[in-house]
N, C-alpha and C. Protein backbone atom coordinates (compact mmCIF):
# COMPACT_ATOMS: atom_id res chain seq x y z
N MET A 1 20.64 11.37 -39.56
CA MET A 1 20.63 10.76 -38.24
C MET A 1 20.99 11.78 -37.16
N SER A 2 21.82 12.75 -37.50
CA SER A 2 22.19 13.76 -36.50
C SER A 2 20.97 14.60 -36.10
N ARG A 3 20.06 14.83 -37.05
CA ARG A 3 18.83 15.56 -36.74
C ARG A 3 17.95 14.76 -35.77
N VAL A 4 17.89 13.42 -35.98
CA VAL A 4 17.13 12.55 -35.09
C VAL A 4 17.71 12.58 -33.68
N ARG A 5 19.07 12.54 -33.60
CA ARG A 5 19.72 12.59 -32.28
C ARG A 5 19.44 13.92 -31.58
N LYS A 6 19.45 15.00 -32.34
CA LYS A 6 19.19 16.32 -31.75
C LYS A 6 17.78 16.38 -31.17
N TRP A 7 16.80 15.92 -31.94
CA TRP A 7 15.42 15.91 -31.45
C TRP A 7 15.26 14.93 -30.29
N SER A 8 15.95 13.80 -30.36
CA SER A 8 15.88 12.82 -29.29
C SER A 8 16.36 13.41 -27.97
N ARG A 9 17.45 14.18 -28.01
CA ARG A 9 17.95 14.80 -26.77
C ARG A 9 16.91 15.73 -26.15
N SER A 10 16.29 16.56 -27.00
CA SER A 10 15.29 17.51 -26.49
C SER A 10 14.07 16.78 -25.93
N ILE A 11 13.56 15.82 -26.67
CA ILE A 11 12.38 15.07 -26.21
C ILE A 11 12.72 14.29 -24.94
N HIS A 12 13.86 13.63 -24.94
CA HIS A 12 14.29 12.83 -23.80
C HIS A 12 14.42 13.71 -22.55
N ARG A 13 15.07 14.85 -22.70
CA ARG A 13 15.29 15.76 -21.57
C ARG A 13 13.97 16.28 -21.02
N ASP A 14 13.13 16.81 -21.90
CA ASP A 14 11.89 17.45 -21.44
C ASP A 14 10.91 16.44 -20.82
N LEU A 15 10.71 15.30 -21.46
CA LEU A 15 9.82 14.29 -20.89
C LEU A 15 10.38 13.72 -19.59
N SER A 16 11.70 13.55 -19.54
CA SER A 16 12.32 13.03 -18.31
C SER A 16 12.10 13.97 -17.14
N PHE A 17 12.32 15.25 -17.35
CA PHE A 17 12.09 16.21 -16.26
C PHE A 17 10.62 16.25 -15.86
N PHE A 18 9.73 16.26 -16.85
CA PHE A 18 8.30 16.36 -16.56
C PHE A 18 7.81 15.16 -15.75
N PHE A 19 8.22 13.94 -16.12
CA PHE A 19 7.69 12.74 -15.48
C PHE A 19 8.57 12.18 -14.35
N SER A 20 9.66 12.84 -14.01
CA SER A 20 10.53 12.35 -12.93
C SER A 20 9.79 12.26 -11.60
N GLY A 21 8.98 13.24 -11.27
CA GLY A 21 8.23 13.20 -10.01
C GLY A 21 7.29 12.02 -9.94
N VAL A 22 6.55 11.77 -11.02
CA VAL A 22 5.63 10.64 -11.05
C VAL A 22 6.40 9.33 -10.94
N LEU A 23 7.51 9.25 -11.63
CA LEU A 23 8.33 8.04 -11.60
C LEU A 23 8.86 7.77 -10.19
N LEU A 24 9.29 8.80 -9.48
CA LEU A 24 9.76 8.63 -8.10
C LEU A 24 8.64 8.16 -7.19
N LEU A 25 7.45 8.77 -7.33
CA LEU A 25 6.32 8.35 -6.49
C LEU A 25 5.90 6.91 -6.79
N TYR A 26 5.89 6.54 -8.07
CA TYR A 26 5.58 5.15 -8.43
C TYR A 26 6.62 4.20 -7.85
N ALA A 27 7.89 4.60 -7.88
CA ALA A 27 8.94 3.74 -7.35
C ALA A 27 8.77 3.53 -5.84
N VAL A 28 8.49 4.58 -5.11
CA VAL A 28 8.32 4.48 -3.66
C VAL A 28 7.10 3.62 -3.33
N SER A 29 5.96 3.91 -3.97
CA SER A 29 4.75 3.15 -3.66
C SER A 29 4.88 1.70 -4.15
N GLY A 30 5.53 1.49 -5.26
CA GLY A 30 5.75 0.13 -5.75
C GLY A 30 6.62 -0.67 -4.80
N SER A 31 7.62 -0.03 -4.23
CA SER A 31 8.47 -0.69 -3.24
C SER A 31 7.66 -1.08 -2.01
N MET A 32 6.78 -0.17 -1.57
CA MET A 32 5.94 -0.49 -0.41
C MET A 32 5.04 -1.68 -0.70
N LEU A 33 4.49 -1.74 -1.90
CA LEU A 33 3.61 -2.86 -2.26
C LEU A 33 4.40 -4.16 -2.38
N ASN A 34 5.65 -4.07 -2.83
CA ASN A 34 6.49 -5.27 -2.92
C ASN A 34 6.82 -5.83 -1.55
N HIS A 35 6.80 -4.99 -0.53
CA HIS A 35 7.17 -5.42 0.82
C HIS A 35 5.97 -5.47 1.76
N LYS A 36 4.80 -5.77 1.22
CA LYS A 36 3.57 -5.85 2.03
C LYS A 36 3.69 -6.84 3.18
N ARG A 37 4.47 -7.90 3.00
CA ARG A 37 4.64 -8.90 4.07
C ARG A 37 5.43 -8.32 5.25
N ASP A 38 6.28 -7.35 4.97
CA ASP A 38 7.14 -6.77 6.00
C ASP A 38 6.57 -5.51 6.64
N PHE A 39 5.73 -4.80 5.89
CA PHE A 39 5.27 -3.49 6.34
C PHE A 39 3.91 -3.19 5.72
N ASN A 40 2.93 -2.88 6.56
CA ASN A 40 1.61 -2.52 6.06
C ASN A 40 1.57 -1.01 5.84
N SER A 41 1.71 -0.60 4.59
CA SER A 41 1.76 0.83 4.29
C SER A 41 0.38 1.48 4.28
N ASP A 42 -0.68 0.69 4.26
CA ASP A 42 -2.03 1.24 4.26
C ASP A 42 -2.53 1.54 5.68
N TYR A 43 -2.20 0.67 6.63
CA TYR A 43 -2.74 0.81 7.98
C TYR A 43 -1.66 0.64 9.04
N SER A 44 -1.84 1.38 10.12
CA SER A 44 -1.04 1.19 11.33
C SER A 44 -1.89 0.35 12.28
N ILE A 45 -1.37 -0.80 12.69
CA ILE A 45 -2.13 -1.71 13.54
C ILE A 45 -1.37 -1.88 14.86
N GLU A 46 -2.06 -1.59 15.95
CA GLU A 46 -1.47 -1.75 17.28
C GLU A 46 -2.37 -2.68 18.09
N ARG A 47 -1.75 -3.51 18.91
CA ARG A 47 -2.50 -4.43 19.77
C ARG A 47 -1.99 -4.29 21.20
N TRP A 48 -2.90 -4.30 22.14
CA TRP A 48 -2.50 -4.33 23.54
C TRP A 48 -3.58 -4.97 24.38
N SER A 49 -3.18 -5.44 25.56
CA SER A 49 -4.10 -6.10 26.48
C SER A 49 -4.69 -5.09 27.44
N VAL A 50 -5.94 -5.33 27.82
CA VAL A 50 -6.66 -4.48 28.76
C VAL A 50 -7.36 -5.40 29.77
N GLN A 51 -7.23 -5.09 31.04
CA GLN A 51 -7.96 -5.83 32.06
C GLN A 51 -9.23 -5.03 32.37
N LEU A 52 -10.40 -5.60 32.09
CA LEU A 52 -11.65 -4.90 32.35
C LEU A 52 -11.83 -4.72 33.85
N GLN A 53 -12.30 -3.55 34.22
CA GLN A 53 -12.49 -3.20 35.63
C GLN A 53 -13.94 -3.46 36.04
N GLY A 54 -14.16 -3.58 37.33
CA GLY A 54 -15.52 -3.73 37.84
C GLY A 54 -16.07 -5.10 37.53
N GLU A 55 -17.38 -5.18 37.57
CA GLU A 55 -18.04 -6.45 37.31
C GLU A 55 -18.39 -6.57 35.83
N TYR A 56 -18.27 -7.76 35.35
CA TYR A 56 -18.65 -8.02 33.97
C TYR A 56 -19.35 -9.38 33.94
N PRO A 57 -20.33 -9.50 33.09
CA PRO A 57 -21.07 -10.77 33.03
C PRO A 57 -20.18 -11.90 32.52
N ALA A 58 -20.29 -13.04 33.12
CA ALA A 58 -19.51 -14.20 32.70
C ALA A 58 -20.23 -15.01 31.63
N SER A 59 -21.48 -14.68 31.37
CA SER A 59 -22.27 -15.40 30.39
C SER A 59 -22.44 -14.55 29.14
N VAL A 60 -22.28 -15.17 27.99
CA VAL A 60 -22.44 -14.47 26.71
C VAL A 60 -23.82 -13.83 26.61
N ALA A 61 -24.85 -14.50 27.08
CA ALA A 61 -26.22 -14.02 26.97
C ALA A 61 -26.43 -12.70 27.72
N GLU A 62 -25.62 -12.43 28.73
CA GLU A 62 -25.77 -11.21 29.52
C GLU A 62 -25.06 -10.00 28.93
N TRP A 63 -24.30 -10.21 27.86
CA TRP A 63 -23.57 -9.09 27.24
C TRP A 63 -24.50 -8.42 26.22
N ASP A 64 -25.09 -7.32 26.64
CA ASP A 64 -25.92 -6.53 25.72
C ASP A 64 -25.14 -5.28 25.34
N LYS A 65 -25.75 -4.46 24.49
CA LYS A 65 -25.08 -3.26 24.01
C LYS A 65 -24.66 -2.34 25.15
N ALA A 66 -25.52 -2.15 26.14
CA ALA A 66 -25.21 -1.24 27.26
C ALA A 66 -23.98 -1.73 28.03
N THR A 67 -23.88 -3.03 28.24
CA THR A 67 -22.73 -3.60 28.95
C THR A 67 -21.45 -3.38 28.14
N VAL A 68 -21.52 -3.65 26.85
CA VAL A 68 -20.35 -3.48 25.98
C VAL A 68 -19.90 -2.03 25.98
N VAL A 69 -20.84 -1.09 25.79
CA VAL A 69 -20.50 0.33 25.74
C VAL A 69 -19.88 0.78 27.07
N ARG A 70 -20.39 0.27 28.18
CA ARG A 70 -19.82 0.62 29.49
C ARG A 70 -18.35 0.22 29.58
N HIS A 71 -18.02 -0.95 29.06
CA HIS A 71 -16.62 -1.39 29.09
C HIS A 71 -15.77 -0.69 28.03
N LEU A 72 -16.39 -0.24 26.96
CA LEU A 72 -15.64 0.52 25.96
C LEU A 72 -15.21 1.88 26.51
N GLU A 73 -15.91 2.38 27.50
CA GLU A 73 -15.51 3.64 28.13
C GLU A 73 -14.11 3.54 28.73
N GLU A 74 -13.72 2.36 29.17
CA GLU A 74 -12.40 2.16 29.78
C GLU A 74 -11.27 2.40 28.78
N ILE A 75 -11.57 2.27 27.49
CA ILE A 75 -10.53 2.50 26.48
C ILE A 75 -10.90 3.68 25.57
N ASP A 76 -11.78 4.54 26.07
CA ASP A 76 -12.20 5.75 25.34
C ASP A 76 -12.78 5.46 23.97
N GLN A 77 -13.57 4.39 23.86
CA GLN A 77 -14.18 4.01 22.59
C GLN A 77 -15.69 3.87 22.67
N ALA A 78 -16.30 4.34 23.75
CA ALA A 78 -17.74 4.14 23.95
C ALA A 78 -18.57 4.72 22.80
N GLY A 79 -18.18 5.85 22.27
CA GLY A 79 -18.92 6.48 21.18
C GLY A 79 -18.70 5.84 19.83
N ASN A 80 -17.82 4.86 19.76
CA ASN A 80 -17.48 4.23 18.48
C ASN A 80 -18.00 2.81 18.33
N TYR A 81 -18.89 2.39 19.24
CA TYR A 81 -19.45 1.04 19.19
C TYR A 81 -20.23 0.84 17.89
N LEU A 82 -20.00 -0.31 17.25
CA LEU A 82 -20.78 -0.68 16.06
C LEU A 82 -21.68 -1.88 16.35
N LYS A 83 -21.07 -3.00 16.75
CA LYS A 83 -21.83 -4.19 17.08
C LYS A 83 -20.92 -5.17 17.80
N HIS A 84 -21.51 -6.24 18.31
CA HIS A 84 -20.72 -7.27 18.97
C HIS A 84 -21.38 -8.63 18.76
N TYR A 85 -20.60 -9.67 18.96
CA TYR A 85 -21.13 -11.03 18.88
C TYR A 85 -20.23 -11.95 19.71
N ALA A 86 -20.67 -13.16 19.93
CA ALA A 86 -19.92 -14.14 20.71
C ALA A 86 -19.41 -15.23 19.78
N PRO A 87 -18.10 -15.24 19.47
CA PRO A 87 -17.57 -16.30 18.61
C PRO A 87 -17.60 -17.68 19.28
N ASP A 88 -17.61 -17.69 20.62
CA ASP A 88 -17.75 -18.94 21.38
C ASP A 88 -18.33 -18.59 22.75
N GLU A 89 -18.53 -19.58 23.62
CA GLU A 89 -19.19 -19.33 24.91
C GLU A 89 -18.29 -18.62 25.91
N ASN A 90 -17.00 -18.46 25.59
CA ASN A 90 -16.07 -17.82 26.54
C ASN A 90 -15.56 -16.45 26.11
N SER A 91 -16.07 -15.93 25.00
CA SER A 91 -15.56 -14.63 24.55
C SER A 91 -16.62 -13.81 23.81
N VAL A 92 -16.38 -12.52 23.81
CA VAL A 92 -17.21 -11.57 23.07
C VAL A 92 -16.28 -10.73 22.22
N LYS A 93 -16.65 -10.54 20.96
CA LYS A 93 -15.87 -9.68 20.07
C LYS A 93 -16.68 -8.45 19.76
N VAL A 94 -16.05 -7.28 19.95
CA VAL A 94 -16.72 -5.99 19.75
C VAL A 94 -16.09 -5.29 18.55
N PHE A 95 -16.93 -4.82 17.64
CA PHE A 95 -16.46 -4.08 16.48
C PHE A 95 -16.60 -2.58 16.76
N ILE A 96 -15.53 -1.86 16.49
CA ILE A 96 -15.46 -0.43 16.80
C ILE A 96 -15.26 0.33 15.49
N ARG A 97 -15.92 1.46 15.39
CA ARG A 97 -15.84 2.31 14.19
C ARG A 97 -14.38 2.54 13.81
N GLY A 98 -14.08 2.42 12.52
CA GLY A 98 -12.72 2.62 12.03
C GLY A 98 -11.96 1.32 11.81
N GLY A 99 -12.58 0.18 12.17
CA GLY A 99 -11.95 -1.12 11.94
C GLY A 99 -11.32 -1.75 13.16
N SER A 100 -11.30 -1.05 14.29
CA SER A 100 -10.71 -1.61 15.50
C SER A 100 -11.64 -2.65 16.12
N THR A 101 -11.06 -3.52 16.96
CA THR A 101 -11.85 -4.56 17.64
C THR A 101 -11.38 -4.74 19.08
N LEU A 102 -12.27 -5.29 19.88
CA LEU A 102 -11.96 -5.65 21.26
C LEU A 102 -12.49 -7.06 21.47
N VAL A 103 -11.62 -7.98 21.89
CA VAL A 103 -12.04 -9.35 22.17
C VAL A 103 -11.88 -9.58 23.67
N VAL A 104 -12.98 -9.92 24.34
CA VAL A 104 -13.00 -10.08 25.80
C VAL A 104 -13.09 -11.55 26.15
N ASP A 105 -12.18 -11.99 27.03
CA ASP A 105 -12.24 -13.33 27.59
C ASP A 105 -13.17 -13.26 28.80
N LEU A 106 -14.33 -13.90 28.74
CA LEU A 106 -15.34 -13.79 29.78
C LEU A 106 -14.93 -14.46 31.08
N ARG A 107 -13.99 -15.38 31.03
CA ARG A 107 -13.55 -16.06 32.25
C ARG A 107 -12.66 -15.18 33.13
N THR A 108 -11.84 -14.32 32.48
CA THR A 108 -10.84 -13.55 33.22
C THR A 108 -11.06 -12.04 33.17
N GLY A 109 -11.84 -11.56 32.21
CA GLY A 109 -12.00 -10.12 32.03
C GLY A 109 -10.84 -9.51 31.26
N GLN A 110 -9.91 -10.35 30.81
CA GLN A 110 -8.78 -9.89 30.00
C GLN A 110 -9.28 -9.64 28.58
N ALA A 111 -8.91 -8.50 28.01
CA ALA A 111 -9.36 -8.14 26.66
C ALA A 111 -8.16 -7.78 25.80
N GLU A 112 -8.27 -8.08 24.52
CA GLU A 112 -7.25 -7.70 23.54
C GLU A 112 -7.85 -6.64 22.64
N PHE A 113 -7.22 -5.47 22.64
CA PHE A 113 -7.69 -4.35 21.81
C PHE A 113 -6.79 -4.24 20.60
N GLU A 114 -7.40 -4.21 19.41
CA GLU A 114 -6.64 -4.03 18.18
C GLU A 114 -7.09 -2.72 17.55
N SER A 115 -6.17 -1.77 17.49
CA SER A 115 -6.46 -0.44 16.97
C SER A 115 -5.92 -0.34 15.54
N ILE A 116 -6.77 0.08 14.63
CA ILE A 116 -6.38 0.20 13.22
C ILE A 116 -6.59 1.65 12.78
N HIS A 117 -5.53 2.24 12.20
CA HIS A 117 -5.61 3.61 11.68
C HIS A 117 -4.99 3.65 10.29
N ARG A 118 -5.68 4.30 9.37
CA ARG A 118 -5.17 4.45 8.00
C ARG A 118 -3.97 5.39 8.02
N ARG A 119 -2.93 5.03 7.26
CA ARG A 119 -1.77 5.91 7.09
C ARG A 119 -2.10 6.84 5.91
N PRO A 120 -2.37 8.12 6.18
CA PRO A 120 -2.91 9.00 5.14
C PRO A 120 -2.03 9.13 3.89
N LEU A 121 -0.78 9.49 4.03
CA LEU A 121 0.07 9.72 2.86
C LEU A 121 0.43 8.42 2.15
N LEU A 122 0.88 7.44 2.92
CA LEU A 122 1.34 6.19 2.31
C LEU A 122 0.20 5.43 1.62
N SER A 123 -0.97 5.38 2.24
CA SER A 123 -2.09 4.66 1.60
C SER A 123 -2.55 5.39 0.35
N SER A 124 -2.45 6.72 0.35
CA SER A 124 -2.80 7.48 -0.86
C SER A 124 -1.83 7.19 -1.99
N LEU A 125 -0.55 7.08 -1.66
CA LEU A 125 0.44 6.75 -2.69
C LEU A 125 0.15 5.38 -3.31
N ASN A 126 -0.24 4.43 -2.47
CA ASN A 126 -0.54 3.07 -2.98
C ASN A 126 -1.71 3.07 -3.94
N ARG A 127 -2.64 3.99 -3.76
CA ARG A 127 -3.83 4.03 -4.63
C ARG A 127 -3.45 4.25 -6.09
N MET A 128 -2.31 4.87 -6.36
CA MET A 128 -1.89 5.07 -7.75
C MET A 128 -1.80 3.75 -8.50
N HIS A 129 -1.39 2.69 -7.80
CA HIS A 129 -1.24 1.39 -8.44
C HIS A 129 -2.56 0.66 -8.61
N TYR A 130 -3.61 1.14 -7.96
CA TYR A 130 -4.91 0.49 -8.03
C TYR A 130 -5.86 1.16 -9.01
N ASN A 131 -5.36 2.10 -9.80
CA ASN A 131 -6.16 2.78 -10.81
C ASN A 131 -7.44 3.38 -10.21
N PRO A 132 -7.31 4.44 -9.41
CA PRO A 132 -8.43 4.96 -8.64
C PRO A 132 -9.53 5.67 -9.43
N SER A 133 -9.27 6.12 -10.65
CA SER A 133 -10.31 6.85 -11.38
C SER A 133 -10.02 6.85 -12.88
N ARG A 134 -11.01 7.30 -13.63
CA ARG A 134 -10.88 7.35 -15.10
C ARG A 134 -9.79 8.33 -15.53
N TRP A 135 -9.71 9.49 -14.86
CA TRP A 135 -8.69 10.46 -15.26
C TRP A 135 -7.30 9.92 -14.99
N TRP A 136 -7.17 9.10 -13.92
CA TRP A 136 -5.85 8.51 -13.64
C TRP A 136 -5.49 7.48 -14.71
N THR A 137 -6.47 6.78 -15.24
CA THR A 137 -6.22 5.84 -16.34
C THR A 137 -5.67 6.58 -17.55
N ILE A 138 -6.27 7.70 -17.87
CA ILE A 138 -5.82 8.50 -19.02
C ILE A 138 -4.40 9.02 -18.76
N PHE A 139 -4.18 9.57 -17.55
CA PHE A 139 -2.84 10.07 -17.22
C PHE A 139 -1.81 8.94 -17.27
N SER A 140 -2.16 7.76 -16.76
CA SER A 140 -1.24 6.62 -16.76
C SER A 140 -0.92 6.17 -18.18
N ASP A 141 -1.90 6.24 -19.07
CA ASP A 141 -1.64 5.89 -20.47
C ASP A 141 -0.69 6.89 -21.12
N VAL A 142 -0.87 8.18 -20.83
CA VAL A 142 0.05 9.21 -21.33
C VAL A 142 1.45 8.96 -20.75
N PHE A 143 1.51 8.62 -19.48
CA PHE A 143 2.77 8.31 -18.81
C PHE A 143 3.46 7.13 -19.49
N LEU A 144 2.69 6.08 -19.79
CA LEU A 144 3.22 4.91 -20.47
C LEU A 144 3.84 5.27 -21.82
N VAL A 145 3.10 6.01 -22.64
CA VAL A 145 3.61 6.41 -23.96
C VAL A 145 4.86 7.27 -23.80
N SER A 146 4.85 8.14 -22.79
CA SER A 146 6.01 9.01 -22.56
C SER A 146 7.23 8.19 -22.12
N LEU A 147 7.03 7.19 -21.28
CA LEU A 147 8.16 6.35 -20.87
C LEU A 147 8.75 5.60 -22.05
N VAL A 148 7.90 5.09 -22.93
CA VAL A 148 8.39 4.42 -24.13
C VAL A 148 9.16 5.41 -25.00
N THR A 149 8.65 6.62 -25.13
CA THR A 149 9.34 7.66 -25.90
C THR A 149 10.68 8.01 -25.28
N ILE A 150 10.73 8.12 -23.95
CA ILE A 150 11.98 8.41 -23.26
C ILE A 150 13.00 7.30 -23.53
N VAL A 151 12.56 6.05 -23.46
CA VAL A 151 13.46 4.92 -23.69
C VAL A 151 13.96 4.93 -25.13
N LEU A 152 13.06 5.06 -26.08
CA LEU A 152 13.47 5.03 -27.49
C LEU A 152 14.38 6.20 -27.85
N SER A 153 14.07 7.38 -27.33
CA SER A 153 14.93 8.53 -27.62
C SER A 153 16.30 8.35 -26.96
N GLY A 154 16.33 7.74 -25.79
CA GLY A 154 17.61 7.48 -25.13
C GLY A 154 18.45 6.47 -25.88
N LEU A 155 17.81 5.52 -26.54
CA LEU A 155 18.56 4.50 -27.28
C LEU A 155 19.28 5.05 -28.50
N VAL A 156 18.75 6.09 -29.11
CA VAL A 156 19.36 6.62 -30.34
C VAL A 156 20.23 7.85 -30.09
N MET A 157 20.28 8.35 -28.86
CA MET A 157 21.03 9.58 -28.59
C MET A 157 22.54 9.39 -28.72
N ILE A 158 23.06 8.26 -28.27
CA ILE A 158 24.51 8.06 -28.24
C ILE A 158 24.89 7.11 -29.36
N LYS A 159 25.94 7.49 -30.10
CA LYS A 159 26.40 6.62 -31.20
C LYS A 159 27.76 6.03 -30.85
N GLY A 160 28.18 5.08 -31.64
CA GLY A 160 29.51 4.51 -31.48
C GLY A 160 29.56 3.37 -30.47
N ARG A 161 30.77 3.20 -29.85
CA ARG A 161 31.03 2.08 -28.94
C ARG A 161 30.13 2.09 -27.71
N LYS A 162 29.71 3.26 -27.26
CA LYS A 162 28.88 3.35 -26.06
C LYS A 162 27.39 3.37 -26.37
N GLY A 163 27.05 3.39 -27.65
CA GLY A 163 25.66 3.47 -28.07
C GLY A 163 24.99 2.12 -28.19
N LEU A 164 23.88 2.11 -28.94
CA LEU A 164 23.05 0.93 -29.09
C LEU A 164 23.79 -0.24 -29.72
N TRP A 165 24.71 0.03 -30.63
CA TRP A 165 25.43 -1.05 -31.32
C TRP A 165 26.71 -1.43 -30.60
N GLY A 166 26.92 -0.90 -29.41
CA GLY A 166 28.10 -1.25 -28.60
C GLY A 166 27.69 -1.66 -27.20
N ARG A 167 28.33 -1.04 -26.22
CA ARG A 167 28.07 -1.37 -24.81
C ARG A 167 26.61 -1.14 -24.43
N GLY A 168 26.00 -0.10 -24.96
CA GLY A 168 24.59 0.18 -24.67
C GLY A 168 23.67 -0.95 -25.09
N GLY A 169 23.96 -1.56 -26.23
CA GLY A 169 23.16 -2.69 -26.71
C GLY A 169 23.29 -3.91 -25.81
N ILE A 170 24.51 -4.14 -25.30
CA ILE A 170 24.73 -5.26 -24.37
C ILE A 170 23.94 -5.02 -23.09
N GLU A 171 24.00 -3.79 -22.57
CA GLU A 171 23.26 -3.45 -21.35
C GLU A 171 21.75 -3.57 -21.57
N LEU A 172 21.27 -3.17 -22.75
CA LEU A 172 19.86 -3.30 -23.09
C LEU A 172 19.43 -4.77 -23.07
N LEU A 173 20.22 -5.64 -23.70
CA LEU A 173 19.90 -7.07 -23.71
C LEU A 173 19.91 -7.66 -22.30
N ALA A 174 20.87 -7.26 -21.48
CA ALA A 174 20.92 -7.75 -20.09
C ALA A 174 19.68 -7.29 -19.32
N GLY A 175 19.28 -6.06 -19.56
CA GLY A 175 18.09 -5.54 -18.88
C GLY A 175 16.81 -6.24 -19.31
N ILE A 176 16.80 -6.79 -20.50
CA ILE A 176 15.64 -7.56 -20.97
C ILE A 176 15.73 -9.01 -20.46
N LEU A 177 16.92 -9.59 -20.50
CA LEU A 177 17.09 -11.00 -20.14
C LEU A 177 16.84 -11.27 -18.65
N ILE A 178 17.25 -10.38 -17.78
CA ILE A 178 17.10 -10.64 -16.34
C ILE A 178 15.63 -10.84 -15.96
N PRO A 179 14.71 -9.93 -16.33
CA PRO A 179 13.29 -10.21 -15.99
C PRO A 179 12.74 -11.43 -16.71
N VAL A 180 13.15 -11.66 -17.96
CA VAL A 180 12.65 -12.82 -18.70
C VAL A 180 13.11 -14.11 -18.00
N LEU A 181 14.37 -14.18 -17.60
CA LEU A 181 14.87 -15.35 -16.88
C LEU A 181 14.13 -15.53 -15.55
N PHE A 182 13.89 -14.45 -14.86
CA PHE A 182 13.17 -14.51 -13.59
C PHE A 182 11.78 -15.12 -13.80
N ILE A 183 11.10 -14.68 -14.87
CA ILE A 183 9.76 -15.19 -15.17
C ILE A 183 9.79 -16.70 -15.42
N PHE A 184 10.78 -17.15 -16.20
CA PHE A 184 10.84 -18.58 -16.56
C PHE A 184 11.40 -19.44 -15.44
N LEU A 185 12.18 -18.88 -14.53
CA LEU A 185 12.79 -19.67 -13.47
C LEU A 185 11.94 -19.72 -12.19
N THR A 186 10.90 -18.91 -12.12
CA THR A 186 10.06 -18.95 -10.92
C THR A 186 8.72 -19.55 -11.19
């Protein structure tokens, strides 16, 4: 058994150091995904009101592409026009490249601009949880086997009262029971 403990320490140490970075990144991105209701880690969304200047048609039928593009110049988005439509007789919704939108109230000329920008680093971290490619699947499977190896080697490293048959065993059971209870109680 002492030989097993010796090998366990080496395997545990080396795999732990190798996969610590991946584990930290998974923890950070997993936390962001758990708090999606509180924080959108994929996109930055800003909204603000704009009062259209000059004359603007009060009728939906008079809003053509040229009219829309002219008003998009006021918010520096003229080159990003995609399309527009009228959700009702009093408003026009304009779609702008990149996911942004402009909704114009035809009665007042008041418009709501919603700007959407991808968060480059944070959205990339989230992609790890969405299995972005075949090579990531293979790497994740290796990571899974390594985590199981790290856990098993850690369980046999310490003997006696603090090991698996003592306090360590109680902590292991508690660590299993808490998620199991959560599953059955929710």
